Structures are given as C-alpha cells and as structure tokens.
Amino acid sequence: MLTVGFLVQRESREMADREIAGLEAQLIAAKKAELRNYLSIARTAFGPIYGNALPDDEAAKREVLQILAAMTYGNEGFYFVYDYEGNNLVSPRQTWLIERNWAGLKDPEGTPVVDEVIRLARQGAGYHSYVWPKPSTGENANMVSYVIGLQDWRWAIGTGIFIDDVLTSVAAARAETEARVQRTFLYIGAITLASVLVVFLSGLMLNLRERRLAEDKLKALTQRVFDTQEEERGRVARELHDSISQILVGVRYTLELARRRQATGDARAGESLNSGIDHLNGAIQEVRRISRDLRPGVLDDLGLGPALQSLAEEFGKRTGIKVEFETVVFRNRLDQDAKIALYRIAQEALTNIERHAGATEVAVLVRGTKNGAILRIQDNGRGMPPQRAEVQGLGLRNMAERMERLDGTLRILSTKTGTTIEAQVPLTHMLPPAGRTKVSA
C-alpha cells in the first residue's frame, strides 16, 4: 500500500506538472498574441510615415518617435525604441533610459536584454523574456517583449508585458494540485494504517487464542508428567521396600549366623561382623527413608497432616534442626492432587533449608481455612540472596508450577533473618466429609 501510495503521488505530481506547464504555455502564448496585436496597432499608426520616408529623413523619425512615446496602455504598457548601436530613443514610462547607450545591459539573472533585442530586430522580429523593473513600483518582475526591426532606420521597436499574474496563477494552481496530491496520499496512508491495524488486531486475537490453547495443552502435558512421575515414584518405592529391603534383611541374618559360627574363633572376626551388621542396618534404614521420600505410605493411609508430621520429625532427627509442627484437623478432605502438591512443596522447602539456609529452627504449619488449605514453612536462616537464585531456581519453579496447576497461590518472603514459604490451595480441591468416624487431611 505504501508503494502504491508513493507511485500514485509521483504519477499525480508528474501529470499535474504537465498540465500546469501546458496552462502556463497557453497563458504566455495568449500574452504573446496580445503583444503582436499591440505592435500591429503601433505599426499601423506610424506605417505611412515610415513607408514614405527616406533612411535619413530626420523629421519623419522625430514624428514616429513622438507617436510611439505617446502610445501607452494599461498601467505598465509602453513602447520602446533602440537603435542598432544600443542607444535608447523611446521609453515613455522610464525616461531615465532615453538618449543613453545600453549595449551590454543584463537583467539581475544575467540574461542579455538590449543586445538580444537588437539581434531579434536585425532578424526581423522575435520574442524575448527577461527580468525588468515595473514602472509603477520599481520592483523586478518577469517580462515578455515582442520586437520588430525597421531596417531602413536601423531601429528596434518593441513592447513588453509583465507576466507576474501568469506566474501567480500557475503557482496557485501548482499549490492546489500539491494539496490534492497530499490529501490523496494521506487518504491512502489512512486506509493503509486502518488495514494494518485490522490485520494486526486480527493476528493478535488469533495469537492470544492460540496461546490460550497452547497454555491449556501445556498444563495438560504438565499434569500428565506429574502423574507419570508420581506413578513411577510409587513403583520404585514398592520395589525398594519389597525387594531390596528384604534382601538386605536376609544379609543381616546371614551375617548374624556367621558371627555365631565364628564365636569360638578369632575375636576380631566378631568385631568385623558387628561392624558389617551395623552398616547393613544403616543401609536398611536409608532404603526405608528413600522409600518414604519417594512415596510416603502414610500420605495415602492417614492423610497430609500425619505425613507432614512424619516428614518433619525425620528431618529434625537427620539434620539436628529444631522443628515445630502445627496442624489443625481439616473438616473436609483434600483431594489427591492437592495432598501430593503440598507434600512435595514441603519436601522441596525442607531440602532447601538443609542445603542452603543455615537455619537452627523451622516451623511447619498446615491447616484448613475458609479459602481452602494452607501450608506455611518458616525458618530462621540467612534468606535467599540473589547469587543463590540459580541453585534454588528449579525447586522454586517446581513449587510455583504445582500451585499454578491447582489454581493456587505460592508466596515466598525472604529476608536476612529467614525465609517464609506459604502455599494455599483453593476450596475447589476440598472434598465433602467422608463420614464422622474418620476425618483426615
């Protein structure tokens, strides 16, 4: 559209210039025809005298000069006469030119005036355009003159007319045409802008629609990833508990039997066996801890509150950090997705505290509110400075994504005296009471 606009503007200007040039040529041609008529009138007036005079008839010459000096017209029109040497003989409206030689005279733009007039007269007749002061105002203006030659007397007789009115009309026409071209270009620009805006808004709406669809698909995909992850953790937990734990218990019984058989032998053998048994006990405990971390059975059996309490107690024993756990029994049950999300957020938060916070005390609160369920974990550590953002960024993003998937909120407040993480699940994830005999989180 912009290219079309520029082409239209260029073509319009060129066509307007051609039309204006034609108009100017017509107006000037009319002026020239008018000049020929004026000179024909003058020649009719002095023709009989000139035709009957000899080349050296001074009386006839004076009579012709008097006739031409008296023939003025309009406000600016007059006749002028130069001899072929450049002397001015008649100039009734500019008498200061008379009886002076003006050979070599040029106008302010450097165009020869008198020499060109004489040249045209020698050839018979012709038109000449130049800049000349107007008799009425003294201001320079464009002038067109028509000159004829009296070869017997070696005179150049002519008259001129100022064409400033023609130039003014042409300038007005050019300005009007330019204004029309500009308006046309502005109309094209406005149409182009409106079209671009329509296309842009349409594209924006389509983009927003596609983005919403993509976000919905991404949420669904994230949900499937989380579900698959939980299923895999449950499977790994069962395998650890049912196979590896049993194998390690068998190894323990085998080592105990070996200790009894070696009781009568070297005493150091018993010490080695005791050490092996201790290590195996630690391995068994570690496997059980990993199993609980992957998928705590208490979360499914007793609910979120007991599971978080068990997680906090085990965290305190393992790290030596003092943990205060507080909960209020829910009147409604949380659905499975909300329980898993809050439990995983608590796991991630405690892991970050152990690795980065340097805290000595941790407070864990979980309870129901009128808006849903809330989990708050607060420590007295050093907070989260910006340089640790890359280390903890993934865990925090996981927390935020879990809450976003549940349409919940996650608030993190970190200062130099500690960090508080608060996750809230809306009422939409609270189930009706299952019965009066058993109420759990």
Protein backbone atom coordinates (compact mmCIF):
# COMPACT_ATOMS: atom_id res chain seq x y z
CA MET A 1 0.00 0.00 0.00
CA LEU A 2 2.85 2.39 0.77
CA THR A 3 4.45 1.60 -2.58
CA VAL A 4 1.14 2.21 -4.33
CA GLY A 5 0.79 5.47 -2.40
CA PHE A 6 4.23 6.68 -3.48
CA LEU A 7 3.58 5.67 -7.10
CA VAL A 8 0.22 7.46 -7.11
CA GLN A 9 1.83 10.53 -5.56
CA ARG A 10 4.63 10.56 -8.13
CA GLU A 11 2.33 10.00 -11.11
CA SER A 12 -0.10 12.63 -9.82
CA ARG A 13 2.69 15.18 -9.47
CA GLU A 14 4.05 14.43 -12.94
CA MET A 15 0.60 14.70 -14.51
CA ALA A 16 -0.09 17.91 -12.58
CA ASP A 17 3.26 19.35 -13.68
CA ARG A 18 2.44 18.56 -17.30
CA GLU A 19 -0.99 20.15 -17.01
CA ILE A 20 0.38 23.22 -15.24
CA ALA A 21 3.17 23.55 -17.79
CA GLY A 22 0.54 23.38 -20.54
CA LEU A 23 -1.56 26.00 -18.77
CA GLU A 24 1.47 28.26 -18.39
CA ALA A 25 2.35 27.83 -22.05
CA GLN A 26 -1.22 28.70 -23.08
CA LEU A 27 -1.30 31.81 -20.90
CA ILE A 28 2.07 33.01 -22.16
CA ALA A 29 1.00 32.30 -25.76
CA ALA A 30 -2.04 34.47 -25.17
CA LYS A 31 0.22 37.23 -23.81
CA LYS A 32 2.46 36.94 -26.86
CA ALA A 33 -0.50 37.18 -29.19
CA GLU A 34 -1.57 40.28 -27.27
CA LEU A 35 1.89 41.78 -27.77
CA ARG A 36 1.72 41.16 -31.52
CA ASN A 37 -1.61 42.96 -31.61
CA TYR A 38 -0.19 45.93 -29.69
CA LEU A 39 2.74 46.18 -32.08
CA SER A 40 0.44 45.86 -35.09
CA ILE A 41 -1.54 48.83 -33.76
CA ALA A 42 1.68 50.84 -33.36
CA ARG A 43 2.87 49.93 -36.83
CA THR A 44 -0.48 50.99 -38.27
CA ALA A 45 -0.01 54.37 -36.58
CA PHE A 46 3.47 55.13 -37.91
CA GLY A 47 3.45 52.92 -41.03
CA PRO A 48 2.51 55.61 -43.57
CA ILE A 49 5.23 57.92 -42.26
CA TYR A 50 7.91 55.26 -42.31
CA GLY A 51 6.83 53.97 -45.69
CA ASN A 52 7.14 57.37 -47.36
CA ALA A 53 10.38 58.46 -45.62
CA LEU A 54 13.97 58.10 -46.71
CA PRO A 55 16.58 56.46 -44.48
CA ASP A 56 17.99 59.86 -43.48
CA ASP A 57 14.67 61.68 -43.03
CA GLU A 58 15.15 63.10 -39.55
CA ALA A 59 11.78 64.83 -39.49
CA ALA A 60 9.97 61.60 -40.19
CA LYS A 61 12.00 59.87 -37.47
CA ARG A 62 11.09 62.53 -34.89
CA GLU A 63 7.44 62.26 -35.84
CA VAL A 64 7.48 58.46 -35.42
CA LEU A 65 9.26 58.75 -32.06
CA GLN A 66 6.65 61.20 -30.85
CA ILE A 67 3.85 58.84 -31.90
CA LEU A 68 5.44 55.88 -30.09
CA ALA A 69 6.19 57.92 -26.96
CA ALA A 70 2.53 58.89 -26.74
CA MET A 71 1.19 55.36 -27.20
CA THR A 72 0.92 53.86 -23.71
CA TYR A 73 -1.67 51.36 -22.50
CA GLY A 74 -2.77 49.99 -19.15
CA ASN A 75 -0.76 50.69 -16.01
CA GLU A 76 2.51 49.23 -17.24
CA GLY A 77 2.32 49.03 -21.06
CA PHE A 78 4.56 51.17 -23.29
CA TYR A 79 6.68 51.03 -26.44
CA PHE A 80 10.46 51.24 -26.55
CA VAL A 81 12.89 52.01 -29.34
CA TYR A 82 16.64 51.28 -29.59
CA ASP A 83 18.93 51.92 -32.48
CA TYR A 84 21.25 49.15 -33.52
CA GLU A 85 24.14 50.71 -31.57
CA GLY A 86 22.21 50.29 -28.30
CA ASN A 87 21.01 53.85 -27.74
CA ASN A 88 17.54 54.22 -26.26
CA LEU A 89 15.29 56.52 -28.29
CA VAL A 90 11.87 56.00 -26.67
CA SER A 91 10.89 54.88 -23.15
CA PRO A 92 7.90 56.96 -22.00
CA ARG A 93 7.43 55.27 -18.58
CA GLN A 94 11.16 55.08 -17.80
CA THR A 95 12.54 58.32 -19.20
CA TRP A 96 15.88 57.90 -17.45
CA LEU A 97 16.72 55.35 -20.14
CA ILE A 98 16.34 57.84 -23.05
CA GLU A 99 19.40 59.03 -25.02
CA ARG A 100 21.72 56.65 -23.25
CA ASN A 101 23.58 53.67 -24.67
CA TRP A 102 22.54 50.37 -23.05
CA ALA A 103 24.55 47.95 -25.10
CA GLY A 104 25.61 45.01 -22.91
CA LEU A 105 22.80 45.56 -20.37
CA LYS A 106 21.81 42.39 -18.50
CA ASP A 107 19.00 41.66 -16.06
CA PRO A 108 19.61 40.56 -12.42
CA GLU A 109 19.73 36.92 -13.54
CA GLY A 110 22.46 37.62 -16.13
CA THR A 111 20.22 37.48 -19.24
CA PRO A 112 21.28 39.97 -22.02
CA VAL A 113 18.49 42.48 -22.66
CA VAL A 114 19.37 45.21 -25.16
CA ASP A 115 21.82 43.13 -27.21
CA GLU A 116 19.25 40.34 -27.61
CA VAL A 117 16.51 42.84 -28.54
CA ILE A 118 18.76 44.30 -31.26
CA ARG A 119 19.68 40.83 -32.52
CA LEU A 120 15.99 39.86 -32.87
CA ALA A 121 15.28 43.18 -34.65
CA ARG A 122 18.09 42.57 -37.14
CA GLN A 123 16.50 39.18 -37.88
CA GLY A 124 13.10 40.81 -38.44
CA ALA A 125 11.10 40.05 -35.27
CA GLY A 126 11.05 37.86 -32.16
CA TYR A 127 10.13 37.37 -28.52
CA HIS A 128 12.46 37.82 -25.57
CA SER A 129 11.88 37.02 -21.85
CA TYR A 130 13.85 38.72 -19.07
CA VAL A 131 13.54 40.40 -15.69
CA TRP A 132 12.72 44.13 -15.79
CA PRO A 133 11.68 46.73 -13.19
CA LYS A 134 7.97 47.55 -13.28
CA PRO A 135 7.37 51.28 -13.98
CA SER A 136 4.63 51.50 -11.35
CA THR A 137 6.55 50.00 -8.41
CA GLY A 138 10.19 49.72 -9.48
CA GLU A 139 10.19 46.06 -8.39
CA ASN A 140 11.71 43.47 -10.69
CA ALA A 141 9.28 41.15 -12.46
CA ASN A 142 9.32 38.69 -15.34
CA MET A 143 8.59 40.35 -18.67
CA VAL A 144 8.00 39.12 -22.24
CA SER A 145 8.75 41.51 -25.10
CA TYR A 146 7.99 41.40 -28.83
CA VAL A 147 10.41 43.24 -31.11
CA ILE A 148 10.40 44.15 -34.82
CA GLY A 149 13.13 45.83 -36.84
CA LEU A 150 12.94 48.92 -39.05
CA GLN A 151 15.91 48.05 -41.23
CA ASP A 152 15.96 51.33 -43.18
CA TRP A 153 16.32 53.35 -39.98
CA ARG A 154 18.23 50.60 -38.11
CA TRP A 155 15.74 50.71 -35.23
CA ALA A 156 14.46 48.03 -32.89
CA ILE A 157 10.84 48.78 -31.91
CA GLY A 158 9.09 46.67 -29.31
CA THR A 159 6.67 46.46 -26.42
CA GLY A 160 6.51 44.21 -23.39
CA ILE A 161 4.07 42.84 -20.89
CA PHE A 162 4.71 41.62 -17.36
CA ILE A 163 3.68 38.03 -16.72
CA ASP A 164 3.72 38.04 -12.89
CA ASP A 165 -0.05 37.47 -12.94
CA VAL A 166 0.51 34.39 -15.08
CA LEU A 167 3.18 33.10 -12.74
CA THR A 168 0.92 33.79 -9.74
CA SER A 169 -1.91 31.84 -11.34
CA VAL A 170 0.44 28.98 -12.17
CA ALA A 171 1.85 28.97 -8.62
CA ALA A 172 -1.67 28.89 -7.18
CA ALA A 173 -2.62 26.02 -9.47
CA ARG A 174 0.56 24.15 -8.53
CA ALA A 175 -0.12 24.69 -4.79
CA GLU A 176 -3.71 23.49 -5.18
CA THR A 177 -2.54 20.43 -7.09
CA GLU A 178 0.11 19.70 -4.48
CA ALA A 179 -2.51 19.95 -1.75
CA ARG A 180 -4.75 17.50 -3.62
CA VAL A 181 -1.83 15.10 -4.04
CA GLN A 182 -1.02 15.35 -0.35
CA ARG A 183 -4.65 14.72 0.59
CA THR A 184 -4.74 11.69 -1.68
CA PHE A 185 -1.55 10.38 -0.12
CA LEU A 186 -2.95 10.95 3.36
CA TYR A 187 -6.13 9.09 2.39
CA ILE A 188 -4.05 6.19 1.11
CA GLY A 189 -1.96 6.30 4.29
CA ALA A 190 -5.08 6.32 6.47
CA ILE A 191 -6.53 3.36 4.57
CA THR A 192 -3.19 1.56 4.86
CA LEU A 193 -2.96 2.25 8.58
CA ALA A 194 -6.53 1.08 9.12
CA SER A 195 -5.81 -2.08 7.14
CA VAL A 196 -2.62 -2.74 9.10
CA LEU A 197 -4.47 -2.21 12.38
CA VAL A 198 -7.22 -4.60 11.32
CA VAL A 199 -4.66 -7.22 10.32
CA PHE A 200 -2.67 -6.61 13.50
CA LEU A 201 -5.71 -6.88 15.77
CA SER A 202 -6.91 -9.97 13.94
CA GLY A 203 -3.48 -11.54 14.25
CA LEU A 204 -3.29 -10.54 17.91
CA MET A 205 -6.65 -12.13 18.65
CA LEU A 206 -5.65 -15.29 16.82
CA ASN A 207 -2.31 -15.29 18.61
CA LEU A 208 -3.97 -14.89 22.01
CA ARG A 209 -6.41 -17.66 21.18
CA GLU A 210 -3.61 -19.95 20.04
CA ARG A 211 -1.62 -19.02 23.12
CA ARG A 212 -4.50 -19.91 25.41
CA LEU A 213 -4.88 -23.23 23.63
CA ALA A 214 -1.14 -23.83 23.91
CA GLU A 215 -1.21 -22.99 27.62
CA ASP A 216 -4.10 -25.39 28.15
CA LYS A 217 -2.21 -28.09 26.30
CA LEU A 218 0.92 -27.31 28.30
CA LYS A 219 -0.99 -27.57 31.57
CA ALA A 220 -2.45 -30.88 30.47
CA LEU A 221 1.01 -32.09 29.47
CA THR A 222 2.46 -30.91 32.79
CA GLN A 223 -0.32 -32.77 34.59
CA ARG A 224 0.49 -35.94 32.70
CA VAL A 225 4.19 -35.51 33.52
CA PHE A 226 3.42 -35.06 37.22
CA ASP A 227 1.06 -38.05 37.20
CA THR A 228 3.63 -40.22 35.48
CA GLN A 229 6.30 -39.04 37.90
CA GLU A 230 4.17 -39.92 40.89
CA GLU A 231 3.35 -43.34 39.45
CA GLU A 232 6.99 -44.04 38.82
CA ARG A 233 7.97 -42.94 42.32
CA GLY A 234 5.29 -45.21 43.77
CA ARG A 235 6.57 -48.13 41.73
CA VAL A 236 10.19 -47.50 42.74
CA ALA A 237 9.12 -47.19 46.39
CA ARG A 238 7.35 -50.54 46.25
CA GLU A 239 10.34 -52.20 44.64
CA LEU A 240 12.72 -50.79 47.24
CA HIS A 241 10.51 -51.96 50.06
CA ASP A 242 9.55 -55.35 48.71
CA SER A 243 12.83 -56.50 47.15
CA ILE A 244 15.92 -54.59 48.24
CA SER A 245 14.83 -54.27 51.86
CA GLN A 246 14.10 -57.99 52.11
CA ILE A 247 17.42 -58.87 50.53
CA LEU A 248 19.27 -56.66 53.00
CA VAL A 249 17.38 -58.27 55.91
CA GLY A 250 18.47 -61.68 54.63
CA VAL A 251 22.06 -60.48 54.51
CA ARG A 252 21.71 -59.35 58.10
CA TYR A 253 20.55 -62.80 59.23
CA THR A 254 23.40 -64.39 57.29
CA LEU A 255 25.96 -62.18 58.97
CA GLU A 256 24.48 -62.95 62.38
CA LEU A 257 24.81 -66.67 61.68
CA ALA A 258 28.40 -66.12 60.59
CA ARG A 259 29.05 -64.29 63.84
CA ARG A 260 27.74 -67.22 65.88
CA ARG A 261 29.84 -69.71 63.94
CA GLN A 262 32.93 -67.63 64.43
CA ALA A 263 32.27 -67.12 68.13
CA THR A 264 34.75 -69.75 69.08
CA GLY A 265 37.45 -68.44 66.78
CA ASP A 266 39.27 -65.15 66.46
CA ALA A 267 37.64 -62.37 68.48
CA ARG A 268 38.37 -59.78 65.75
CA ALA A 269 36.15 -61.68 63.37
CA GLY A 270 33.19 -60.95 65.61
CA GLU A 271 34.10 -57.29 65.70
CA SER A 272 34.18 -57.16 61.90
CA LEU A 273 30.87 -58.93 61.68
CA ASN A 274 29.33 -56.47 64.15
CA SER A 275 30.54 -53.61 62.03
CA GLY A 276 29.08 -55.17 58.89
CA ILE A 277 25.79 -55.70 60.63
CA ASP A 278 25.73 -52.05 61.72
CA HIS A 279 26.36 -50.89 58.18
CA LEU A 280 23.67 -53.13 56.85
CA ASN A 281 21.25 -51.74 59.42
CA GLY A 282 22.13 -48.26 58.26
CA ALA A 283 21.59 -49.32 54.64
CA ILE A 284 18.21 -50.72 55.53
CA GLN A 285 17.24 -47.51 57.26
CA GLU A 286 18.45 -45.47 54.30
CA VAL A 287 16.45 -47.57 51.87
CA ARG A 288 13.39 -47.10 54.01
CA ARG A 289 13.99 -43.37 54.15
CA ILE A 290 14.34 -43.20 50.37
CA SER A 291 11.16 -45.18 50.06
CA ARG A 292 9.34 -42.72 52.29
CA ASP A 293 10.71 -39.80 50.29
CA LEU A 294 9.62 -41.26 47.00
CA ARG A 295 6.12 -42.08 48.08
CA PRO A 296 5.24 -41.96 51.78
CA GLY A 297 2.65 -44.57 52.59
CA VAL A 298 1.35 -42.51 55.48
CA LEU A 299 0.19 -39.87 52.95
CA ASP A 300 -2.23 -42.36 51.41
CA ASP A 301 -3.15 -44.12 54.66
CA LEU A 302 -3.57 -41.29 57.19
CA GLY A 303 -3.56 -38.08 55.12
CA LEU A 304 -1.49 -34.96 54.67
CA GLY A 305 -1.15 -33.91 58.31
CA PRO A 306 0.42 -37.14 59.62
CA ALA A 307 2.61 -37.39 56.50
CA LEU A 308 3.99 -33.88 57.00
CA GLN A 309 4.48 -34.56 60.71
CA SER A 310 6.46 -37.70 59.92
CA LEU A 311 8.49 -35.78 57.33
CA ALA A 312 9.26 -33.00 59.83
CA GLU A 313 10.27 -35.42 62.58
CA GLU A 314 12.56 -37.39 60.30
CA PHE A 315 14.06 -34.09 59.02
CA GLY A 316 14.76 -32.96 62.58
CA LYS A 317 16.40 -36.23 63.55
CA ARG A 318 18.57 -36.31 60.44
CA THR A 319 19.72 -32.67 60.47
CA GLY A 320 19.60 -31.73 64.15
CA ILE A 321 17.46 -28.67 63.29
CA LYS A 322 14.67 -27.95 65.75
CA VAL A 323 11.32 -28.44 64.02
CA GLU A 324 7.97 -27.22 65.35
CA PHE A 325 5.00 -28.81 63.64
CA GLU A 326 1.45 -27.48 64.00
CA THR A 327 -1.70 -28.67 62.29
CA VAL A 328 -5.46 -28.30 62.62
CA VAL A 329 -7.68 -31.21 61.61
CA PHE A 330 -9.48 -30.46 58.36
CA ARG A 331 -13.26 -30.59 58.34
CA ASN A 332 -13.04 -31.50 54.66
CA ARG A 333 -10.63 -33.81 52.90
CA LEU A 334 -8.07 -32.64 50.37
CA ASP A 335 -8.12 -34.37 47.00
CA GLN A 336 -5.16 -36.45 45.92
CA ASP A 337 -3.59 -33.80 43.70
CA ALA A 338 -3.61 -31.17 46.44
CA LYS A 339 -2.14 -33.55 49.05
CA ILE A 340 0.69 -34.59 46.75
CA ALA A 341 1.42 -30.99 45.74
CA LEU A 342 1.60 -29.68 49.32
CA TYR A 343 3.69 -32.67 50.44
CA ARG A 344 6.18 -32.16 47.59
CA ILE A 345 6.38 -28.43 48.31
CA ALA A 346 7.19 -29.24 51.96
CA GLN A 347 9.85 -31.73 50.81
CA GLU A 348 11.44 -29.19 48.49
CA ALA A 349 11.35 -26.45 51.10
CA LEU A 350 12.97 -28.62 53.79
CA THR A 351 15.62 -29.75 51.32
CA ASN A 352 16.45 -26.13 50.50
CA ILE A 353 16.63 -25.28 54.21
CA GLU A 354 19.02 -28.17 54.84
CA ARG A 355 21.29 -27.30 51.91
CA HIS A 356 21.27 -23.50 51.83
CA ALA A 357 19.56 -21.75 54.75
CA GLY A 358 21.92 -22.45 57.66
CA ALA A 359 18.87 -22.38 59.93
CA THR A 360 18.59 -23.71 63.51
CA GLU A 361 14.80 -23.63 63.79
CA VAL A 362 11.99 -24.47 61.39
CA ALA A 363 8.22 -24.03 61.89
CA VAL A 364 5.78 -26.05 59.79
CA LEU A 365 2.05 -25.20 59.79
CA VAL A 366 -0.73 -26.90 57.84
CA ARG A 367 -4.42 -26.21 58.38
CA GLY A 368 -7.69 -25.53 56.69
CA THR A 369 -9.09 -22.03 56.17
CA LYS A 370 -12.27 -20.55 54.78
CA ASN A 371 -10.49 -20.22 51.45
CA GLY A 372 -9.06 -23.75 51.31
CA ALA A 373 -5.89 -25.29 52.78
CA ILE A 374 -2.66 -23.54 53.66
CA LEU A 375 0.89 -24.78 54.19
CA ARG A 376 3.47 -22.46 55.76
CA ILE A 377 7.15 -23.28 56.31
CA GLN A 378 9.30 -20.71 58.09
CA ASP A 379 13.00 -20.83 59.07
CA ASN A 380 15.46 -18.51 60.81
CA GLY A 381 18.21 -18.91 58.24
CA ARG A 382 20.14 -16.43 56.14
CA GLY A 383 17.47 -15.97 53.48
CA MET A 384 17.91 -16.29 49.74
CA PRO A 385 20.46 -13.82 48.30
CA PRO A 386 20.42 -13.27 44.51
CA GLN A 387 23.57 -15.28 43.94
CA ARG A 388 21.73 -18.44 45.04
CA ALA A 389 18.89 -17.98 42.56
CA GLU A 390 20.37 -20.42 40.06
CA VAL A 391 20.78 -23.10 42.74
CA GLN A 392 17.28 -22.81 44.11
CA GLY A 393 15.54 -21.62 40.98
CA LEU A 394 14.46 -25.05 39.76
CA GLY A 395 12.91 -26.05 43.09
CA LEU A 396 11.06 -22.77 43.40
CA ARG A 397 9.79 -23.08 39.83
CA ASN A 398 8.53 -26.58 40.59
CA MET A 399 6.64 -25.25 43.61
CA ALA A 400 5.12 -22.43 41.57
CA GLU A 401 4.11 -24.77 38.76
CA ARG A 402 2.41 -27.17 41.18
CA MET A 403 0.37 -24.33 42.69
CA GLU A 404 -0.43 -22.86 39.27
CA ARG A 405 -1.71 -26.24 38.09
CA LEU A 406 -4.06 -26.35 41.10
CA ASP A 407 -5.07 -22.67 40.61
CA GLY A 408 -3.50 -21.99 43.99
CA THR A 409 -1.05 -19.35 45.19
CA LEU A 410 2.58 -19.50 46.30
CA ARG A 411 4.13 -16.70 48.34
CA ILE A 412 7.83 -16.50 49.17
CA LEU A 413 9.15 -13.90 51.62
CA SER A 414 12.91 -13.93 52.15
CA THR A 415 14.93 -11.60 54.40
CA LYS A 416 18.30 -11.72 56.11
CA THR A 417 16.62 -13.26 59.18
CA GLY A 418 14.85 -16.10 57.44
CA THR A 419 12.53 -17.29 54.68
CA THR A 420 8.80 -17.99 54.70
CA ILE A 421 7.12 -20.13 52.05
CA GLU A 422 3.33 -20.18 52.01
CA ALA A 423 1.27 -22.35 49.65
CA GLN A 424 -2.53 -22.11 49.55
CA VAL A 425 -4.90 -24.49 47.78
CA PRO A 426 -8.40 -23.23 46.88
CA LEU A 427 -11.65 -24.75 48.10
CA THR A 428 -12.17 -26.49 44.78
CA HIS A 429 -9.70 -29.15 45.97
CA MET A 430 -11.55 -29.81 49.24
CA LEU A 431 -13.80 -32.89 49.19
CA PRO A 432 -17.02 -33.30 51.22
CA PRO A 433 -16.62 -35.07 54.60
CA ALA A 434 -16.25 -38.83 54.17
CA GLY A 435 -18.03 -39.58 57.46
CA ARG A 436 -17.98 -38.86 61.18
CA THR A 437 -15.86 -41.88 62.08
CA LYS A 438 -12.72 -40.79 60.16
CA VAL A 439 -11.62 -37.28 59.33
CA SER A 440 -8.15 -36.64 57.96
CA ALA A 441 -6.24 -34.17 55.88
